[in-house]
Protein backbone atom coordinates (compact mmCIF):
# COMPACT_ATOMS: atom_id res chain seq x y z
CA MET A 1 -48.78 7.77 28.03
CA ALA A 2 -48.28 7.29 24.32
CA VAL A 3 -45.33 9.72 24.37
CA PHE A 4 -43.67 7.87 27.27
CA ALA A 5 -44.24 4.52 25.54
CA ALA A 6 -42.66 5.82 22.34
CA ARG A 7 -39.66 7.15 24.24
CA ALA A 8 -39.30 3.85 26.07
CA ARG A 9 -39.30 1.96 22.77
CA ASP A 10 -36.73 4.37 21.38
CA TRP A 11 -34.42 3.91 24.36
CA THR A 12 -34.86 0.15 24.19
CA SER A 13 -33.90 0.16 20.51
CA ARG A 14 -30.84 2.28 21.25
CA LEU A 15 -29.75 -0.04 24.05
CA ILE A 16 -30.16 -3.07 21.81
CA GLU A 17 -28.09 -1.43 19.05
CA LEU A 18 -25.37 -0.39 21.53
CA SER A 19 -25.28 -3.93 22.88
CA ARG A 20 -24.95 -5.37 19.38
CA ARG A 21 -22.22 -2.86 18.49
CA GLU A 22 -20.32 -3.69 21.66
CA GLY A 23 -20.65 -7.38 20.87
CA ARG A 24 -19.29 -6.86 17.35
CA GLU A 25 -16.37 -4.83 18.68
CA GLN A 26 -15.57 -7.46 21.30
CA SER A 27 -15.79 -10.20 18.67
CA MET A 28 -13.45 -8.32 16.34
CA ALA A 29 -11.00 -7.66 19.18
CA ALA A 30 -10.93 -11.37 19.98
CA ASN A 31 -10.43 -12.44 16.36
CA SER A 32 -8.45 -9.57 14.86
CA ILE A 33 -4.83 -9.46 13.81
CA GLN A 34 -2.60 -6.45 13.31
CA VAL A 35 -0.69 -5.99 10.05
CA ALA A 36 2.20 -3.55 9.81
CA ALA A 37 1.47 -1.16 6.96
CA ARG A 38 1.82 2.38 5.69
CA PRO A 39 0.69 4.93 6.84
CA SER A 40 -0.24 2.98 9.99
CA ALA A 41 -0.82 -0.54 11.23
CA LEU A 42 -4.10 -2.10 10.08
CA GLU A 43 -6.26 -4.27 12.31
CA LEU A 44 -8.41 -6.78 10.49
CA ASP A 45 -10.71 -9.67 11.29
CA PRO A 46 -10.02 -12.64 8.96
CA ARG A 47 -13.73 -13.51 8.96
CA GLU A 48 -14.51 -10.07 7.53
CA THR A 49 -11.62 -9.96 5.06
CA ALA A 50 -11.28 -11.05 1.42
CA VAL A 51 -8.24 -11.25 -0.83
CA ILE A 52 -8.98 -9.86 -4.30
CA VAL A 53 -6.91 -11.39 -7.12
CA VAL A 54 -7.06 -9.12 -10.17
CA ASP A 55 -6.48 -10.42 -13.72
CA MET A 56 -3.83 -13.06 -13.03
CA GLN A 57 -4.61 -14.66 -16.39
CA GLN A 58 -2.58 -16.38 -19.08
CA GLY A 59 -3.28 -13.65 -21.63
CA PHE A 60 -1.83 -10.97 -19.37
CA VAL A 61 0.84 -12.84 -17.42
CA GLY A 62 1.60 -16.02 -19.34
CA THR A 63 4.58 -16.54 -21.63
CA GLY A 64 3.12 -16.68 -25.13
CA GLY A 65 -0.05 -14.90 -24.01
CA ALA A 66 -1.65 -11.92 -25.74
CA TRP A 67 0.49 -9.32 -23.97
CA ASP A 68 3.68 -11.26 -24.61
CA ARG A 69 2.79 -11.49 -28.31
CA MET A 70 2.10 -7.73 -28.43
CA GLY A 71 5.59 -7.01 -27.10
CA VAL A 72 4.66 -6.21 -23.47
CA ASP A 73 7.21 -7.91 -21.23
CA PRO A 74 5.29 -10.11 -18.72
CA SER A 75 8.30 -10.84 -16.50
CA ASN A 76 7.47 -8.27 -13.80
CA ALA A 77 3.94 -9.67 -13.65
CA GLN A 78 5.30 -13.21 -13.41
CA ALA A 79 7.46 -12.14 -10.46
CA THR A 80 4.31 -11.52 -8.40
CA VAL A 81 2.95 -15.07 -8.80
CA ALA A 82 4.95 -16.64 -5.96
CA PRO A 83 4.15 -13.97 -3.32
CA ILE A 84 0.46 -14.00 -4.30
CA ALA A 85 0.41 -17.80 -3.97
CA ARG A 86 1.88 -17.53 -0.47
CA VAL A 87 -0.75 -14.94 0.51
CA LEU A 88 -3.55 -17.19 -0.78
CA ALA A 89 -2.25 -20.22 1.11
CA ALA A 90 -1.90 -18.29 4.37
CA SER A 91 -5.32 -16.66 3.92
CA ARG A 92 -7.09 -19.97 3.35
CA GLU A 93 -5.54 -21.34 6.54
CA VAL A 94 -7.35 -18.73 8.65
CA GLY A 95 -10.61 -18.63 6.72
CA ILE A 96 -10.09 -15.46 4.68
CA SER A 97 -12.27 -15.37 1.57
CA ILE A 98 -10.68 -15.38 -1.90
CA VAL A 99 -12.29 -13.62 -4.89
CA TYR A 100 -10.83 -13.67 -8.40
CA LEU A 101 -11.51 -10.90 -10.93
CA THR A 102 -10.96 -11.74 -14.59
CA MET A 103 -11.62 -10.39 -18.06
CA ASN A 104 -12.93 -12.38 -21.02
CA LEU A 105 -9.93 -12.55 -23.33
CA ASP A 106 -11.20 -15.37 -25.55
CA SER A 107 -13.91 -13.57 -27.56
CA HIS A 108 -11.45 -12.89 -30.43
CA GLN A 109 -12.30 -9.21 -30.07
CA ARG A 110 -10.12 -6.55 -28.53
CA PRO A 111 -11.51 -5.84 -25.02
CA GLU A 112 -12.92 -2.41 -24.25
CA PRO A 113 -11.63 -2.05 -20.66
CA GLY A 114 -11.72 1.73 -20.46
CA GLY A 115 -15.15 2.63 -21.79
CA GLY A 116 -17.83 1.86 -24.34
CA PRO A 117 -17.49 0.81 -27.97
CA GLY A 118 -14.91 2.87 -29.81
CA TYR A 119 -12.96 3.86 -26.72
CA TRP A 120 -9.98 1.58 -27.27
CA THR A 121 -8.83 3.20 -30.51
CA GLU A 122 -5.72 2.21 -32.42
CA GLU A 123 -4.02 5.44 -31.33
CA ARG A 124 -4.70 4.74 -27.65
CA TRP A 125 -3.72 1.12 -28.04
CA THR A 126 -0.39 2.06 -29.68
CA ARG A 127 0.34 4.72 -27.07
CA TRP A 128 -0.42 2.25 -24.28
CA LEU A 129 1.98 -0.29 -25.78
CA ALA A 130 4.70 2.34 -26.15
CA ALA A 131 4.30 3.39 -22.52
CA GLY A 132 4.73 -0.23 -21.55
CA GLU A 133 8.24 -0.32 -23.01
CA PRO A 134 7.76 -3.24 -25.42
CA LYS A 135 10.51 -5.82 -25.21
CA GLN A 136 10.23 -6.54 -28.92
CA ALA A 137 8.17 -5.81 -32.00
CA VAL A 138 4.64 -7.21 -32.00
CA ASN A 139 4.92 -10.96 -32.50
CA PRO A 140 1.63 -12.62 -33.46
CA VAL A 141 3.44 -15.92 -34.10
CA GLY A 142 3.93 -16.76 -30.41
CA HIS A 143 1.24 -18.75 -28.64
CA LEU A 144 0.26 -20.29 -25.34
CA PRO A 145 0.77 -24.03 -24.76
CA PRO A 146 -1.82 -26.32 -26.38
CA GLY A 147 -5.13 -26.33 -24.51
CA VAL A 148 -4.35 -23.15 -22.55
CA LYS A 149 -6.70 -20.20 -23.10
CA GLU A 150 -6.00 -16.48 -22.70
CA SER A 151 -8.67 -16.18 -19.96
CA ASP A 152 -7.35 -19.07 -17.86
CA ILE A 153 -6.15 -18.14 -14.37
CA LEU A 154 -2.51 -19.11 -13.88
CA PRO A 155 -2.20 -22.70 -12.59
CA GLU A 156 -0.08 -21.58 -9.62
CA LEU A 157 -3.06 -19.50 -8.44
CA THR A 158 -5.86 -21.93 -9.29
CA PRO A 159 -9.06 -21.21 -7.33
CA GLU A 160 -10.13 -23.84 -4.84
CA PRO A 161 -13.66 -25.32 -4.89
CA GLY A 162 -16.24 -22.77 -3.73
CA GLU A 163 -14.11 -19.70 -4.43
CA ILE A 164 -15.71 -17.07 -6.62
CA ILE A 165 -14.59 -15.87 -10.05
CA VAL A 166 -16.14 -12.56 -11.14
CA VAL A 167 -15.82 -11.74 -14.85
CA LYS A 168 -15.72 -7.97 -15.30
CA PRO A 169 -16.46 -6.02 -18.52
CA ARG A 170 -14.35 -2.99 -17.50
CA TRP A 171 -11.26 -2.24 -15.45
CA THR A 172 -13.12 -2.03 -12.13
CA GLY A 173 -14.51 -5.23 -10.70
CA PHE A 174 -17.62 -3.42 -9.44
CA TYR A 175 -19.00 -2.25 -12.80
CA LYS A 176 -22.02 -4.35 -13.87
CA THR A 177 -20.98 -7.32 -11.68
CA ASP A 178 -22.20 -8.95 -8.46
CA LEU A 179 -18.95 -8.24 -6.61
CA ASP A 180 -20.42 -5.79 -4.09
CA ALA A 181 -23.37 -8.11 -3.35
CA ILE A 182 -21.02 -11.08 -2.94
CA LEU A 183 -18.86 -9.21 -0.44
CA LYS A 184 -21.77 -7.78 1.52
CA ASP A 185 -23.46 -11.19 1.69
CA ARG A 186 -20.35 -12.44 3.50
CA ALA A 187 -20.11 -9.36 5.77
CA ILE A 188 -16.72 -8.48 4.24
CA THR A 189 -15.36 -5.11 5.37
CA THR A 190 -11.65 -5.31 4.43
CA LEU A 191 -10.14 -6.11 1.04
CA VAL A 192 -6.54 -7.17 0.38
CA PHE A 193 -5.56 -6.35 -3.21
CA THR A 194 -3.22 -8.39 -5.41
CA GLY A 195 -2.73 -8.64 -9.18
CA GLY A 196 -2.69 -5.97 -11.84
CA THR A 197 -2.28 -3.87 -13.61
CA THR A 198 -1.47 -1.62 -10.69
CA SER A 199 -2.67 1.70 -12.15
CA ASN A 200 -5.54 0.31 -14.22
CA CYS A 201 -7.73 -2.62 -13.17
CA LEU A 202 -6.39 -2.91 -9.64
CA GLU A 203 -6.52 0.81 -8.86
CA ALA A 204 -9.94 1.21 -10.48
CA THR A 205 -11.34 -1.60 -8.35
CA LEU A 206 -9.64 -0.35 -5.19
CA ARG A 207 -11.02 3.17 -5.68
CA ASP A 208 -14.53 1.79 -6.19
CA ALA A 209 -14.12 -0.30 -3.05
CA PHE A 210 -13.06 2.80 -1.10
CA PHE A 211 -16.14 4.66 -2.35
CA ARG A 212 -18.24 1.75 -1.03
CA ASP A 213 -16.63 2.03 2.43
CA TYR A 214 -14.42 -1.06 2.26
CA ARG A 215 -11.03 -0.80 3.95
CA CYS A 216 -8.34 -1.47 1.33
CA LEU A 217 -4.89 -2.98 1.80
CA LEU A 218 -2.58 -3.15 -1.23
CA LEU A 219 0.38 -5.57 -1.14
CA ALA A 220 3.19 -3.81 -3.01
CA ASP A 221 5.06 -6.96 -4.09
CA CYS A 222 1.86 -8.65 -5.26
CA THR A 223 0.98 -6.13 -7.96
CA TRP A 224 2.47 -5.46 -11.38
CA GLU A 225 2.57 -2.61 -13.86
CA PRO A 226 3.98 -2.69 -17.41
CA ILE A 227 2.93 0.87 -18.16
CA GLY A 228 5.34 3.78 -17.84
CA ASN A 229 8.38 1.73 -16.88
CA ARG A 230 10.64 4.17 -18.72
CA LEU A 231 9.33 7.20 -16.83
CA SER A 232 11.26 8.74 -13.93
CA ARG A 233 8.13 8.40 -11.81
CA THR A 234 6.18 5.26 -12.67
CA ASN A 235 2.48 4.51 -12.64
CA TYR A 236 3.19 1.76 -10.11
CA GLU A 237 4.75 4.22 -7.68
CA ALA A 238 1.92 6.71 -8.24
CA THR A 239 -0.74 4.17 -7.30
CA LEU A 240 1.12 3.05 -4.18
CA LEU A 241 1.40 6.69 -3.07
CA LEU A 242 -2.29 7.37 -3.76
CA VAL A 243 -3.36 4.34 -1.75
CA GLU A 244 -1.07 5.21 1.15
CA VAL A 245 -2.16 8.85 1.45
CA THR A 246 -5.83 8.57 0.46
CA TYR A 247 -7.44 5.22 -0.25
CA GLY A 248 -6.10 2.78 2.31
CA TRP A 249 -2.94 1.01 3.39
CA VAL A 250 0.16 -0.45 1.70
CA SER A 251 2.13 -3.44 2.96
CA GLU A 252 4.08 -6.48 1.72
CA SER A 253 3.14 -10.12 1.31
CA ALA A 254 5.65 -11.36 3.90
CA THR A 255 4.27 -8.94 6.48
CA LEU A 256 0.70 -10.15 5.98
CA VAL A 257 1.70 -13.84 5.91
CA ARG A 258 3.67 -13.38 9.14
CA ALA A 259 0.68 -11.73 10.84
CA LEU A 260 -1.67 -14.47 9.63
CA SER A 261 0.68 -17.21 10.84
CA GLN A 262 0.09 -16.00 14.39
CA LYS A 263 -3.66 -16.60 14.02
CA PRO A 264 -4.99 -20.11 14.79
CA ALA A 265 -6.30 -21.91 11.71
CA THR A 266 -10.06 -21.80 11.36
CA VAL A 267 -12.76 -23.01 9.03
CA ASP A 268 -15.61 -20.51 8.90
CA VAL A 269 -18.18 -21.94 6.53
CA ALA A 270 -20.37 -18.85 6.77
CA HIS A 271 -17.62 -16.70 5.26
CA ALA A 272 -16.13 -19.10 2.74
CA VAL A 273 -16.40 -17.62 -0.74
């Protein structure tokens, strides 16, 4: 009798799990949208999706910021601000979560984004600048407007109340942060990536997300890359290819916004970041 009782409990548990899985699939089918992308269309549920905004800060993107003063031309980064803003507006309309990743640029110490103390040597720093095709010699005289800090998120992309800002100590947003716990707490399964730099902080975070079983969508016109612009094959193009063939999907901001516009507006408090 004990054996039959155990088997009965096992079958009951399996039926309950199958019922729950079917319910989740039906719910996703009812709430999902389809986004044209490469290598294939991507179906996502806005309630289980978050837009990740990587390092859209004054020090990296702003005129007069740290990169601008070092001779790294921020204009290609600035060109992504408008499409990212449109993605954020459309995402908020349908209840998609927004998470900002930033770096602390105001400690008056050179950040160590690639490793531990001593990693970011002068030789590596100089080589990185050279690969970025400096627009001018290093100009420490330039500065941001009064009251604006290097770490500030650009005003065009200002977070709304309740949206999360995760400060990361390395390129990837998952290293020694609560990012994974924040996403899992909101049952997020799909991440839409914007920001930069494409082959460094964004790619590092996207790879870590892939390894944690998130589905990753990179918006090609919402990411920027100052490194390797003089090369025949750029770092930007390399990352887009890697994502398309291995780590996820690649699309454009207009394509996602158009897909989201066909979804009725919703306010889902349980999934608001």
